[in-house]
């Protein structure tokens, strides 16, 4: 039993080295952290921009790539979305196509890991869209339903809707987000929400 435990621990150490290496260059990052004014943990999804892209957006030059926040999740919405988040990040692989098994660090219980997890383009845009759409929703069934439906998007679909919800100016972004919350999560108190949610959980 002791030898088995030592083997598992060594595998985890090796996997963490792969994860840290991948996070240094991945197009997106999921940061598991803490904020003084929010219940721990806080998940922040960040997109990586090249120095030239950052200059075009912010007018600032940088010597290396820059990570920019694209959304955060914490508290009850995080707890309800955790199975979806685990599903999304479970498909992230290293450069050799070997799964990084990130879901082992973000379990359904108490999350002790703190640091950056590498994300693929697909995982990054899906989490960014989920994090954005859950804002201002009080019904946790709707939060979870939206998360499951975004999880089933293709990368192209998630990228399209994230762009529509974040890159067309304040008013247009608000309208797009409001429309998507209804399209994916229904109206508050709609009895069909639970029915659809039960099907997607299976």
N, C-alpha and C. Protein backbone atom coordinates (compact mmCIF):
# COMPACT_ATOMS: atom_id res chain seq x y z
N UNK A 1 0.84 -1.21 0.00
CA UNK A 1 0.00 0.00 0.00
C UNK A 1 0.88 1.25 0.00
N UNK A 2 1.97 1.22 0.78
CA UNK A 2 2.86 2.37 0.84
C UNK A 2 3.54 2.61 -0.50
N UNK A 3 3.99 1.53 -1.14
CA UNK A 3 4.64 1.67 -2.45
C UNK A 3 3.69 2.26 -3.47
N UNK A 4 2.43 1.82 -3.42
CA UNK A 4 1.42 2.34 -4.35
C UNK A 4 1.24 3.84 -4.16
N UNK A 5 1.17 4.28 -2.90
CA UNK A 5 1.00 5.71 -2.61
C UNK A 5 2.20 6.51 -3.11
N UNK A 6 3.40 5.99 -2.92
CA UNK A 6 4.59 6.68 -3.38
C UNK A 6 4.60 6.80 -4.90
N UNK A 7 4.14 5.76 -5.59
CA UNK A 7 4.07 5.79 -7.06
C UNK A 7 3.10 6.87 -7.52
N UNK A 8 1.94 6.94 -6.88
CA UNK A 8 0.94 7.94 -7.25
C UNK A 8 1.49 9.35 -7.02
N UNK A 9 2.15 9.57 -5.89
CA UNK A 9 2.70 10.89 -5.60
C UNK A 9 3.77 11.28 -6.63
N UNK A 10 4.59 10.34 -7.04
CA UNK A 10 5.63 10.65 -8.03
C UNK A 10 5.01 10.98 -9.37
N UNK A 11 3.96 10.28 -9.72
CA UNK A 11 3.26 10.58 -10.97
C UNK A 11 2.68 12.00 -10.93
N UNK A 12 2.15 12.38 -9.77
CA UNK A 12 1.58 13.72 -9.64
C UNK A 12 2.66 14.80 -9.77
N UNK A 13 3.82 14.55 -9.19
CA UNK A 13 4.93 15.51 -9.30
C UNK A 13 5.33 15.68 -10.76
N UNK A 14 5.47 14.59 -11.48
CA UNK A 14 5.83 14.67 -12.89
C UNK A 14 4.76 15.40 -13.69
N UNK A 15 3.50 15.11 -13.36
CA UNK A 15 2.40 15.76 -14.08
C UNK A 15 2.38 17.26 -13.81
N UNK A 16 2.70 17.67 -12.58
CA UNK A 16 2.73 19.10 -12.26
C UNK A 16 3.82 19.81 -13.06
N UNK A 17 4.93 19.16 -13.30
CA UNK A 17 5.99 19.76 -14.12
C UNK A 17 5.50 19.98 -15.54
N UNK A 18 4.77 19.01 -16.08
CA UNK A 18 4.19 19.15 -17.42
C UNK A 18 3.18 20.28 -17.45
N UNK A 19 2.36 20.38 -16.40
CA UNK A 19 1.33 21.41 -16.34
C UNK A 19 1.95 22.80 -16.27
N UNK A 20 2.96 22.98 -15.41
CA UNK A 20 3.62 24.28 -15.29
C UNK A 20 4.28 24.69 -16.61
N UNK A 21 4.91 23.74 -17.26
CA UNK A 21 5.56 24.03 -18.54
C UNK A 21 4.55 24.45 -19.59
N UNK A 22 3.42 23.74 -19.66
CA UNK A 22 2.39 24.07 -20.64
C UNK A 22 1.74 25.41 -20.36
N UNK A 23 1.57 25.75 -19.07
CA UNK A 23 0.92 27.01 -18.70
C UNK A 23 1.74 28.23 -19.09
N UNK A 24 3.04 28.06 -19.28
CA UNK A 24 3.89 29.19 -19.65
C UNK A 24 3.69 29.64 -21.09
N UNK A 25 3.06 28.80 -21.91
CA UNK A 25 2.89 29.15 -23.32
C UNK A 25 1.49 28.88 -23.87
N UNK A 26 0.59 28.38 -23.06
CA UNK A 26 -0.75 28.05 -23.55
C UNK A 26 -1.51 29.32 -23.93
N UNK A 27 -2.44 29.24 -24.91
CA UNK A 27 -3.17 30.43 -25.36
C UNK A 27 -4.12 31.00 -24.31
N UNK A 28 -4.55 30.15 -23.39
CA UNK A 28 -5.41 30.57 -22.29
C UNK A 28 -4.88 29.95 -21.00
N UNK A 29 -5.24 30.56 -19.86
CA UNK A 29 -4.84 30.05 -18.55
C UNK A 29 -6.03 30.15 -17.62
N UNK A 30 -6.19 29.13 -16.78
CA UNK A 30 -7.17 29.18 -15.70
C UNK A 30 -6.40 29.34 -14.39
N UNK A 31 -6.52 30.49 -13.76
CA UNK A 31 -5.82 30.75 -12.52
C UNK A 31 -6.73 30.44 -11.34
N UNK A 32 -6.26 29.58 -10.46
CA UNK A 32 -6.98 29.25 -9.23
C UNK A 32 -6.31 30.05 -8.12
N UNK A 33 -7.05 30.99 -7.53
CA UNK A 33 -6.43 31.94 -6.62
C UNK A 33 -7.39 32.30 -5.49
N UNK A 34 -7.06 33.36 -4.75
CA UNK A 34 -7.91 33.88 -3.68
C UNK A 34 -7.97 35.39 -3.76
N UNK A 35 -9.14 35.96 -3.47
CA UNK A 35 -9.34 37.39 -3.37
C UNK A 35 -9.87 37.71 -1.98
N UNK A 36 -9.40 38.78 -1.40
CA UNK A 36 -9.78 39.12 -0.03
C UNK A 36 -11.29 39.29 0.13
N UNK A 37 -11.96 39.84 -0.87
CA UNK A 37 -13.37 40.17 -0.75
C UNK A 37 -14.30 39.09 -1.32
N UNK A 38 -13.75 37.89 -1.65
CA UNK A 38 -14.56 36.84 -2.25
C UNK A 38 -14.24 35.49 -1.60
N UNK A 39 -15.23 34.60 -1.53
CA UNK A 39 -14.97 33.28 -0.95
C UNK A 39 -13.98 32.49 -1.81
N UNK A 40 -13.06 31.81 -1.15
CA UNK A 40 -12.04 31.03 -1.87
C UNK A 40 -12.61 29.66 -2.26
N UNK A 41 -12.14 29.13 -3.41
CA UNK A 41 -11.18 29.76 -4.33
C UNK A 41 -11.91 30.63 -5.35
N UNK A 42 -11.12 31.45 -6.03
CA UNK A 42 -11.63 32.24 -7.16
C UNK A 42 -10.95 31.71 -8.41
N UNK A 43 -11.74 31.42 -9.42
CA UNK A 43 -11.21 30.98 -10.71
C UNK A 43 -11.23 32.15 -11.68
N UNK A 44 -10.09 32.44 -12.28
CA UNK A 44 -9.97 33.54 -13.24
C UNK A 44 -9.48 32.97 -14.57
N UNK A 45 -10.24 33.19 -15.62
CA UNK A 45 -9.79 32.74 -16.94
C UNK A 45 -9.10 33.90 -17.64
N UNK A 46 -7.92 33.62 -18.18
CA UNK A 46 -7.09 34.66 -18.79
C UNK A 46 -6.69 34.24 -20.21
N UNK A 47 -6.66 35.21 -21.10
CA UNK A 47 -6.24 34.97 -22.48
C UNK A 47 -4.84 35.55 -22.69
N UNK A 48 -4.01 34.82 -23.43
CA UNK A 48 -2.64 35.26 -23.67
C UNK A 48 -2.59 36.08 -24.97
N UNK A 49 -1.96 37.25 -24.88
CA UNK A 49 -1.77 38.12 -26.03
C UNK A 49 -0.28 38.32 -26.29
N UNK A 50 0.08 38.31 -27.56
CA UNK A 50 1.46 38.58 -27.92
C UNK A 50 1.75 40.05 -27.65
N UNK A 51 3.03 40.45 -27.57
CA UNK A 51 3.35 41.87 -27.35
C UNK A 51 2.69 42.78 -28.39
N UNK A 52 2.63 42.35 -29.64
CA UNK A 52 2.03 43.17 -30.69
C UNK A 52 0.52 43.28 -30.51
N UNK A 53 -0.14 42.17 -30.16
CA UNK A 53 -1.58 42.20 -29.91
C UNK A 53 -1.90 43.10 -28.73
N UNK A 54 -1.10 43.03 -27.69
CA UNK A 54 -1.32 43.87 -26.52
C UNK A 54 -1.16 45.35 -26.86
N UNK A 55 -0.20 45.65 -27.73
CA UNK A 55 -0.01 47.04 -28.14
C UNK A 55 -1.21 47.55 -28.92
N UNK A 56 -1.77 46.71 -29.78
CA UNK A 56 -2.94 47.11 -30.56
C UNK A 56 -4.16 47.35 -29.67
N UNK A 57 -4.30 46.55 -28.61
CA UNK A 57 -5.46 46.68 -27.73
C UNK A 57 -5.28 47.79 -26.70
N UNK A 58 -4.13 47.81 -26.04
CA UNK A 58 -3.91 48.73 -24.92
C UNK A 58 -2.98 49.89 -25.22
N UNK A 59 -2.34 49.85 -26.40
CA UNK A 59 -1.37 50.89 -26.72
C UNK A 59 -0.10 50.78 -25.92
N UNK A 60 0.12 49.62 -25.30
CA UNK A 60 1.30 49.41 -24.46
C UNK A 60 2.21 48.37 -25.09
N UNK A 61 3.49 48.62 -25.03
CA UNK A 61 4.45 47.64 -25.51
C UNK A 61 4.87 46.74 -24.36
N UNK A 62 5.21 45.52 -24.68
CA UNK A 62 5.66 44.58 -23.66
C UNK A 62 6.71 43.68 -24.27
N UNK A 63 7.63 43.23 -23.45
CA UNK A 63 8.71 42.40 -23.95
C UNK A 63 8.31 40.95 -24.14
N UNK A 64 7.19 40.56 -23.55
CA UNK A 64 6.73 39.19 -23.69
C UNK A 64 5.21 39.16 -23.71
N UNK A 65 4.66 37.97 -23.85
CA UNK A 65 3.20 37.86 -23.93
C UNK A 65 2.55 38.33 -22.63
N UNK A 66 1.30 38.75 -22.74
CA UNK A 66 0.56 39.32 -21.61
C UNK A 66 -0.72 38.52 -21.41
N UNK A 67 -1.04 38.19 -20.15
CA UNK A 67 -2.30 37.53 -19.82
C UNK A 67 -3.32 38.57 -19.40
N UNK A 68 -4.48 38.54 -20.04
CA UNK A 68 -5.55 39.49 -19.72
C UNK A 68 -6.76 38.74 -19.19
N UNK A 69 -7.36 39.27 -18.10
CA UNK A 69 -8.54 38.64 -17.51
C UNK A 69 -9.71 38.65 -18.49
N UNK A 70 -10.40 37.51 -18.58
CA UNK A 70 -11.59 37.43 -19.42
C UNK A 70 -12.82 36.99 -18.63
N UNK A 71 -12.68 36.79 -17.33
CA UNK A 71 -13.84 36.44 -16.50
C UNK A 71 -13.41 35.73 -15.24
N UNK A 72 -14.29 35.77 -14.22
CA UNK A 72 -13.98 35.05 -12.98
C UNK A 72 -15.23 34.40 -12.42
N UNK A 73 -15.00 33.40 -11.58
CA UNK A 73 -16.11 32.62 -11.03
C UNK A 73 -15.74 32.23 -9.60
N UNK A 74 -16.72 32.31 -8.69
CA UNK A 74 -16.48 31.97 -7.29
C UNK A 74 -17.81 31.73 -6.60
N UNK A 75 -17.76 31.25 -5.38
CA UNK A 75 -18.96 31.07 -4.58
C UNK A 75 -19.91 30.01 -5.13
N UNK A 76 -21.20 30.24 -4.94
CA UNK A 76 -22.21 29.26 -5.35
C UNK A 76 -22.22 29.00 -6.86
N UNK A 77 -22.08 30.02 -7.72
CA UNK A 77 -22.01 29.71 -9.15
C UNK A 77 -20.84 28.78 -9.50
N UNK A 78 -19.72 28.93 -8.81
CA UNK A 78 -18.58 28.04 -9.04
C UNK A 78 -18.93 26.61 -8.62
N UNK A 79 -19.54 26.46 -7.45
CA UNK A 79 -19.88 25.12 -6.99
C UNK A 79 -20.85 24.43 -7.94
N UNK A 80 -21.82 25.16 -8.45
CA UNK A 80 -22.79 24.56 -9.36
C UNK A 80 -22.19 24.26 -10.73
N UNK A 81 -21.20 25.03 -11.13
CA UNK A 81 -20.58 24.85 -12.45
C UNK A 81 -19.40 23.89 -12.43
N UNK A 82 -18.98 23.44 -11.24
CA UNK A 82 -17.75 22.65 -11.15
C UNK A 82 -17.74 21.39 -12.01
N UNK A 83 -18.82 20.59 -12.06
CA UNK A 83 -18.79 19.42 -12.94
C UNK A 83 -18.55 19.79 -14.40
N UNK A 84 -19.09 20.93 -14.82
CA UNK A 84 -18.90 21.38 -16.21
C UNK A 84 -17.45 21.81 -16.41
N UNK A 85 -16.91 22.57 -15.47
CA UNK A 85 -15.52 23.02 -15.58
C UNK A 85 -14.58 21.83 -15.65
N UNK A 86 -14.82 20.83 -14.81
CA UNK A 86 -13.98 19.63 -14.84
C UNK A 86 -14.07 18.94 -16.20
N UNK A 87 -15.26 18.90 -16.77
CA UNK A 87 -15.44 18.28 -18.08
C UNK A 87 -14.68 19.05 -19.17
N UNK A 88 -14.77 20.38 -19.12
CA UNK A 88 -14.10 21.21 -20.14
C UNK A 88 -12.59 21.05 -20.08
N UNK A 89 -12.03 21.11 -18.88
CA UNK A 89 -10.56 21.09 -18.77
C UNK A 89 -9.98 19.68 -18.88
N UNK A 90 -10.82 18.66 -18.79
CA UNK A 90 -10.31 17.29 -18.88
C UNK A 90 -9.76 16.97 -20.27
N UNK A 91 -10.17 17.75 -21.27
CA UNK A 91 -9.70 17.50 -22.63
C UNK A 91 -8.41 18.22 -22.99
N UNK A 92 -7.84 18.99 -22.07
CA UNK A 92 -6.61 19.75 -22.37
C UNK A 92 -5.42 18.80 -22.38
N UNK A 93 -4.61 18.89 -23.44
CA UNK A 93 -3.45 18.00 -23.60
C UNK A 93 -2.17 18.81 -23.72
N UNK A 94 -1.02 18.13 -23.57
CA UNK A 94 0.26 18.79 -23.80
C UNK A 94 0.58 18.78 -25.29
N UNK A 95 1.75 19.26 -25.65
CA UNK A 95 2.11 19.37 -27.07
C UNK A 95 2.15 18.02 -27.78
N UNK A 96 2.34 16.95 -27.01
CA UNK A 96 2.40 15.61 -27.60
C UNK A 96 1.02 14.96 -27.69
N UNK A 97 -0.01 15.71 -27.28
CA UNK A 97 -1.37 15.17 -27.34
C UNK A 97 -1.74 14.28 -26.16
N UNK A 98 -0.92 14.31 -25.11
CA UNK A 98 -1.19 13.50 -23.92
C UNK A 98 -2.01 14.33 -22.93
N UNK A 99 -3.15 13.80 -22.47
CA UNK A 99 -3.98 14.56 -21.52
C UNK A 99 -3.21 14.97 -20.27
N UNK A 100 -3.42 16.22 -19.83
CA UNK A 100 -2.76 16.72 -18.63
C UNK A 100 -3.52 16.37 -17.35
N UNK A 101 -4.75 15.86 -17.50
CA UNK A 101 -5.57 15.45 -16.35
C UNK A 101 -5.76 16.58 -15.35
N UNK A 102 -6.07 17.76 -15.86
CA UNK A 102 -6.24 18.93 -15.00
C UNK A 102 -7.40 18.78 -14.02
N UNK A 103 -8.38 17.98 -14.39
CA UNK A 103 -9.55 17.81 -13.52
C UNK A 103 -9.17 17.21 -12.17
N UNK A 104 -8.01 16.57 -12.08
CA UNK A 104 -7.58 16.00 -10.79
C UNK A 104 -7.23 17.09 -9.79
N UNK A 105 -6.91 18.30 -10.27
CA UNK A 105 -6.53 19.40 -9.39
C UNK A 105 -7.72 20.27 -9.00
N UNK A 106 -8.83 20.12 -9.73
CA UNK A 106 -10.03 20.93 -9.47
C UNK A 106 -11.18 19.96 -9.24
N UNK A 107 -11.27 19.43 -8.02
CA UNK A 107 -12.27 18.41 -7.75
C UNK A 107 -13.57 19.03 -7.27
N UNK A 108 -14.53 18.18 -6.97
CA UNK A 108 -15.84 18.67 -6.54
C UNK A 108 -15.90 19.00 -5.05
N UNK A 109 -14.84 18.71 -4.33
CA UNK A 109 -14.79 19.04 -2.91
C UNK A 109 -14.01 20.31 -2.68
N UNK A 110 -13.17 20.29 -1.66
CA UNK A 110 -12.35 21.47 -1.33
C UNK A 110 -11.17 21.54 -2.29
N UNK A 111 -11.00 22.67 -2.95
CA UNK A 111 -9.92 22.84 -3.92
C UNK A 111 -8.73 23.45 -3.22
N UNK A 112 -7.66 22.70 -3.09
CA UNK A 112 -6.46 23.18 -2.40
C UNK A 112 -5.42 23.72 -3.36
N UNK A 113 -5.51 23.36 -4.63
CA UNK A 113 -4.52 23.83 -5.60
C UNK A 113 -4.63 25.34 -5.79
N UNK A 114 -3.48 26.01 -5.92
CA UNK A 114 -3.41 27.42 -6.27
C UNK A 114 -2.34 27.58 -7.35
N UNK A 115 -2.68 28.26 -8.40
CA UNK A 115 -1.73 28.46 -9.48
C UNK A 115 -2.41 28.51 -10.83
N UNK A 116 -1.62 28.41 -11.89
CA UNK A 116 -2.13 28.51 -13.26
C UNK A 116 -2.25 27.13 -13.91
N UNK A 117 -3.37 26.92 -14.57
CA UNK A 117 -3.58 25.70 -15.36
C UNK A 117 -3.66 26.08 -16.83
N UNK A 118 -2.95 25.37 -17.69
CA UNK A 118 -2.99 25.70 -19.12
C UNK A 118 -4.33 25.32 -19.73
N UNK A 119 -4.79 26.12 -20.67
CA UNK A 119 -6.04 25.83 -21.38
C UNK A 119 -5.80 25.87 -22.88
N UNK A 120 -6.46 25.00 -23.60
CA UNK A 120 -6.48 25.06 -25.06
C UNK A 120 -7.39 26.20 -25.49
N UNK A 121 -7.37 26.52 -26.79
CA UNK A 121 -8.29 27.55 -27.31
C UNK A 121 -9.73 27.18 -27.01
N UNK A 122 -10.08 25.92 -27.23
CA UNK A 122 -11.47 25.49 -27.02
C UNK A 122 -11.87 25.62 -25.56
N UNK A 123 -11.05 25.13 -24.66
CA UNK A 123 -11.37 25.22 -23.24
C UNK A 123 -11.41 26.67 -22.77
N UNK A 124 -10.49 27.48 -23.28
CA UNK A 124 -10.43 28.88 -22.86
C UNK A 124 -11.67 29.66 -23.25
N UNK A 125 -12.10 29.54 -24.52
CA UNK A 125 -13.26 30.32 -24.95
C UNK A 125 -14.53 29.83 -24.28
N UNK A 126 -14.63 28.53 -24.04
CA UNK A 126 -15.82 28.01 -23.37
C UNK A 126 -15.91 28.52 -21.94
N UNK A 127 -14.81 28.45 -21.21
CA UNK A 127 -14.84 28.94 -19.82
C UNK A 127 -15.06 30.45 -19.77
N UNK A 128 -14.45 31.18 -20.67
CA UNK A 128 -14.65 32.64 -20.69
C UNK A 128 -16.12 32.97 -20.93
N UNK A 129 -16.76 32.23 -21.82
CA UNK A 129 -18.18 32.47 -22.11
C UNK A 129 -19.05 32.08 -20.91
N UNK A 130 -18.77 30.94 -20.30
CA UNK A 130 -19.52 30.52 -19.11
C UNK A 130 -19.37 31.54 -18.00
N UNK A 131 -18.15 31.98 -17.73
CA UNK A 131 -17.91 32.93 -16.65
C UNK A 131 -18.63 34.25 -16.92
N UNK A 132 -18.64 34.69 -18.17
CA UNK A 132 -19.29 35.96 -18.53
C UNK A 132 -20.81 35.86 -18.38
N UNK A 133 -21.40 34.77 -18.85
CA UNK A 133 -22.85 34.68 -18.87
C UNK A 133 -23.47 34.45 -17.49
N UNK A 134 -22.70 33.91 -16.54
CA UNK A 134 -23.28 33.67 -15.21
C UNK A 134 -23.40 34.94 -14.38
N UNK A 135 -22.77 36.02 -14.84
CA UNK A 135 -22.84 37.27 -14.08
C UNK A 135 -24.28 37.75 -13.94
N UNK A 136 -24.65 38.15 -12.74
CA UNK A 136 -25.96 38.74 -12.43
C UNK A 136 -27.11 37.74 -12.50
N UNK A 137 -26.84 36.44 -12.61
CA UNK A 137 -27.91 35.44 -12.56
C UNK A 137 -28.02 34.91 -11.14
N UNK A 138 -29.19 35.00 -10.54
CA UNK A 138 -29.39 34.55 -9.16
C UNK A 138 -29.86 33.11 -9.08
N UNK A 139 -30.51 32.62 -10.12
CA UNK A 139 -31.02 31.25 -10.15
C UNK A 139 -29.88 30.30 -10.51
N UNK A 140 -29.45 29.47 -9.55
CA UNK A 140 -28.32 28.58 -9.78
C UNK A 140 -28.63 27.48 -10.78
N UNK A 141 -29.91 27.13 -10.94
CA UNK A 141 -30.26 26.15 -11.97
C UNK A 141 -29.98 26.72 -13.36
N UNK A 142 -30.27 27.98 -13.55
CA UNK A 142 -29.98 28.63 -14.84
C UNK A 142 -28.47 28.73 -15.06
N UNK A 143 -27.73 29.05 -14.01
CA UNK A 143 -26.26 29.11 -14.12
C UNK A 143 -25.71 27.78 -14.59
N UNK A 144 -26.15 26.70 -13.96
CA UNK A 144 -25.65 25.37 -14.33
C UNK A 144 -26.10 24.98 -15.73
N UNK A 145 -27.35 25.27 -16.07
CA UNK A 145 -27.86 24.93 -17.40
C UNK A 145 -27.06 25.63 -18.50
N UNK A 146 -26.81 26.92 -18.32
CA UNK A 146 -26.01 27.66 -19.30
C UNK A 146 -24.62 27.02 -19.44
N UNK A 147 -24.02 26.66 -18.32
CA UNK A 147 -22.69 26.07 -18.36
C UNK A 147 -22.69 24.76 -19.16
N UNK A 148 -23.66 23.89 -18.89
CA UNK A 148 -23.72 22.61 -19.61
C UNK A 148 -23.95 22.83 -21.11
N UNK A 149 -24.77 23.80 -21.47
CA UNK A 149 -25.05 24.02 -22.89
C UNK A 149 -23.86 24.62 -23.61
N UNK A 150 -23.12 25.51 -22.95
CA UNK A 150 -21.89 26.04 -23.55
C UNK A 150 -20.86 24.92 -23.69
N UNK A 151 -20.79 24.02 -22.71
CA UNK A 151 -19.84 22.91 -22.76
C UNK A 151 -20.02 22.08 -24.02
N UNK A 152 -21.23 22.04 -24.55
CA UNK A 152 -21.52 21.24 -25.74
C UNK A 152 -21.28 21.99 -27.05
N UNK A 153 -20.91 23.27 -26.96
CA UNK A 153 -20.55 24.03 -28.16
C UNK A 153 -19.28 23.47 -28.77
N UNK A 154 -19.14 23.66 -30.07
CA UNK A 154 -17.84 23.45 -30.70
C UNK A 154 -16.95 24.65 -30.36
N UNK A 155 -15.66 24.53 -30.63
CA UNK A 155 -14.76 25.66 -30.38
C UNK A 155 -15.19 26.87 -31.18
N UNK A 156 -15.59 26.65 -32.44
CA UNK A 156 -15.99 27.76 -33.32
C UNK A 156 -17.25 28.44 -32.81
N UNK A 157 -18.21 27.66 -32.34
CA UNK A 157 -19.43 28.25 -31.79
C UNK A 157 -19.13 29.08 -30.55
N UNK A 158 -18.34 28.53 -29.65
CA UNK A 158 -18.00 29.25 -28.43
C UNK A 158 -17.25 30.53 -28.75
N UNK A 159 -16.32 30.49 -29.70
CA UNK A 159 -15.56 31.67 -30.08
C UNK A 159 -16.47 32.74 -30.68
N UNK A 160 -17.39 32.32 -31.53
CA UNK A 160 -18.32 33.27 -32.15
C UNK A 160 -19.15 33.99 -31.09
N UNK A 161 -19.75 33.21 -30.18
CA UNK A 161 -20.63 33.82 -29.20
C UNK A 161 -19.85 34.64 -28.17
N UNK A 162 -18.64 34.24 -27.86
CA UNK A 162 -17.83 35.05 -26.95
C UNK A 162 -17.50 36.40 -27.60
N UNK A 163 -17.19 36.37 -28.87
CA UNK A 163 -16.92 37.62 -29.59
C UNK A 163 -18.15 38.51 -29.61
N UNK A 164 -19.32 37.92 -29.92
CA UNK A 164 -20.56 38.71 -29.94
C UNK A 164 -20.87 39.32 -28.57
N UNK A 165 -20.49 38.64 -27.51
CA UNK A 165 -20.85 39.09 -26.16
C UNK A 165 -19.84 40.04 -25.54
N UNK A 166 -18.69 40.24 -26.19
CA UNK A 166 -17.65 41.02 -25.52
C UNK A 166 -16.96 42.07 -26.39
N UNK A 167 -17.18 42.08 -27.70
CA UNK A 167 -16.34 42.92 -28.56
C UNK A 167 -17.12 43.89 -29.46
N UNK A 168 -18.34 44.25 -29.08
CA UNK A 168 -19.13 45.13 -29.94
C UNK A 168 -19.58 46.40 -29.23
N UNK A 169 -18.90 46.78 -28.16
CA UNK A 169 -19.29 47.98 -27.43
C UNK A 169 -20.21 47.64 -26.27
N UNK A 170 -20.26 48.54 -25.30
CA UNK A 170 -20.98 48.26 -24.05
C UNK A 170 -22.44 47.87 -24.27
N UNK A 171 -23.18 48.67 -25.04
CA UNK A 171 -24.61 48.40 -25.22
C UNK A 171 -24.83 47.09 -25.97
N UNK A 172 -24.14 46.92 -27.09
CA UNK A 172 -24.31 45.70 -27.89
C UNK A 172 -23.89 44.46 -27.11
N UNK A 173 -22.84 44.59 -26.32
CA UNK A 173 -22.40 43.46 -25.49
C UNK A 173 -23.48 43.08 -24.48
N UNK A 174 -24.07 44.08 -23.82
CA UNK A 174 -25.12 43.80 -22.83
C UNK A 174 -26.30 43.10 -23.47
N UNK A 175 -26.72 43.59 -24.64
CA UNK A 175 -27.86 42.98 -25.33
C UNK A 175 -27.56 41.54 -25.73
N UNK A 176 -26.36 41.31 -26.25
CA UNK A 176 -25.98 39.96 -26.66
C UNK A 176 -25.95 39.02 -25.47
N UNK A 177 -25.39 39.48 -24.35
CA UNK A 177 -25.33 38.64 -23.16
C UNK A 177 -26.72 38.34 -22.62
N UNK A 178 -27.58 39.35 -22.60
CA UNK A 178 -28.95 39.14 -22.11
C UNK A 178 -29.69 38.13 -22.99
N UNK A 179 -29.52 38.26 -24.31
CA UNK A 179 -30.16 37.32 -25.23
C UNK A 179 -29.64 35.91 -25.07
N UNK A 180 -28.34 35.77 -24.87
CA UNK A 180 -27.76 34.44 -24.71
C UNK A 180 -28.18 33.79 -23.40
N UNK A 181 -28.35 34.59 -22.35
CA UNK A 181 -28.79 34.02 -21.07
C UNK A 181 -30.17 33.40 -21.21
N UNK A 182 -31.04 34.03 -21.99
CA UNK A 182 -32.37 33.47 -22.23
C UNK A 182 -32.30 32.29 -23.19
N UNK A 183 -31.51 32.43 -24.24
CA UNK A 183 -31.39 31.37 -25.25
C UNK A 183 -30.87 30.08 -24.63
N UNK A 184 -29.89 30.20 -23.73
CA UNK A 184 -29.25 29.02 -23.15
C UNK A 184 -29.81 28.61 -21.80
N UNK A 185 -30.36 29.57 -21.05
CA UNK A 185 -30.81 29.27 -19.69
C UNK A 185 -32.28 29.51 -19.43
N UNK A 186 -33.04 29.90 -20.46
CA UNK A 186 -34.48 30.11 -20.28
C UNK A 186 -34.80 31.34 -19.45
N UNK A 187 -36.08 31.53 -19.24
CA UNK A 187 -36.56 32.62 -18.39
C UNK A 187 -36.60 32.17 -16.94
N UNK A 188 -36.41 33.09 -15.98
CA UNK A 188 -36.53 32.71 -14.56
C UNK A 188 -37.87 32.04 -14.27
N UNK A 189 -37.84 31.00 -13.45
CA UNK A 189 -39.03 30.26 -13.00
C UNK A 189 -39.68 29.41 -14.08
N UNK A 190 -39.03 29.22 -15.20
CA UNK A 190 -39.56 28.33 -16.24
C UNK A 190 -39.37 26.88 -15.78
N UNK A 191 -40.47 26.12 -15.75
CA UNK A 191 -40.40 24.74 -15.26
C UNK A 191 -39.56 23.84 -16.16
N UNK A 192 -39.35 24.24 -17.40
CA UNK A 192 -38.57 23.41 -18.32
C UNK A 192 -37.07 23.43 -17.99
N UNK A 193 -36.64 24.40 -17.19
CA UNK A 193 -35.22 24.51 -16.87
C UNK A 193 -34.72 23.24 -16.18
N UNK A 194 -35.43 22.80 -15.15
CA UNK A 194 -35.01 21.61 -14.43
C UNK A 194 -35.06 20.36 -15.30
N UNK A 195 -36.07 20.27 -16.15
CA UNK A 195 -36.20 19.11 -17.05
C UNK A 195 -34.99 19.02 -17.98
N UNK A 196 -34.62 20.15 -18.58
CA UNK A 196 -33.48 20.15 -19.48
C UNK A 196 -32.19 19.89 -18.72
N UNK A 197 -32.08 20.46 -17.54
CA UNK A 197 -30.87 20.30 -16.74
C UNK A 197 -30.66 18.83 -16.38
N UNK A 198 -31.71 18.13 -16.01
CA UNK A 198 -31.61 16.72 -15.65
C UNK A 198 -31.11 15.88 -16.82
N UNK A 199 -31.55 16.21 -18.03
CA UNK A 199 -31.10 15.48 -19.21
C UNK A 199 -29.61 15.72 -19.49
N UNK A 200 -29.16 16.96 -19.31
CA UNK A 200 -27.78 17.29 -19.61
C UNK A 200 -26.81 16.74 -18.57
N UNK A 201 -27.26 16.52 -17.36
CA UNK A 201 -26.41 15.98 -16.31
C UNK A 201 -26.06 14.52 -16.52
N UNK A 202 -26.86 13.81 -17.31
CA UNK A 202 -26.67 12.36 -17.46
C UNK A 202 -25.47 12.03 -18.31
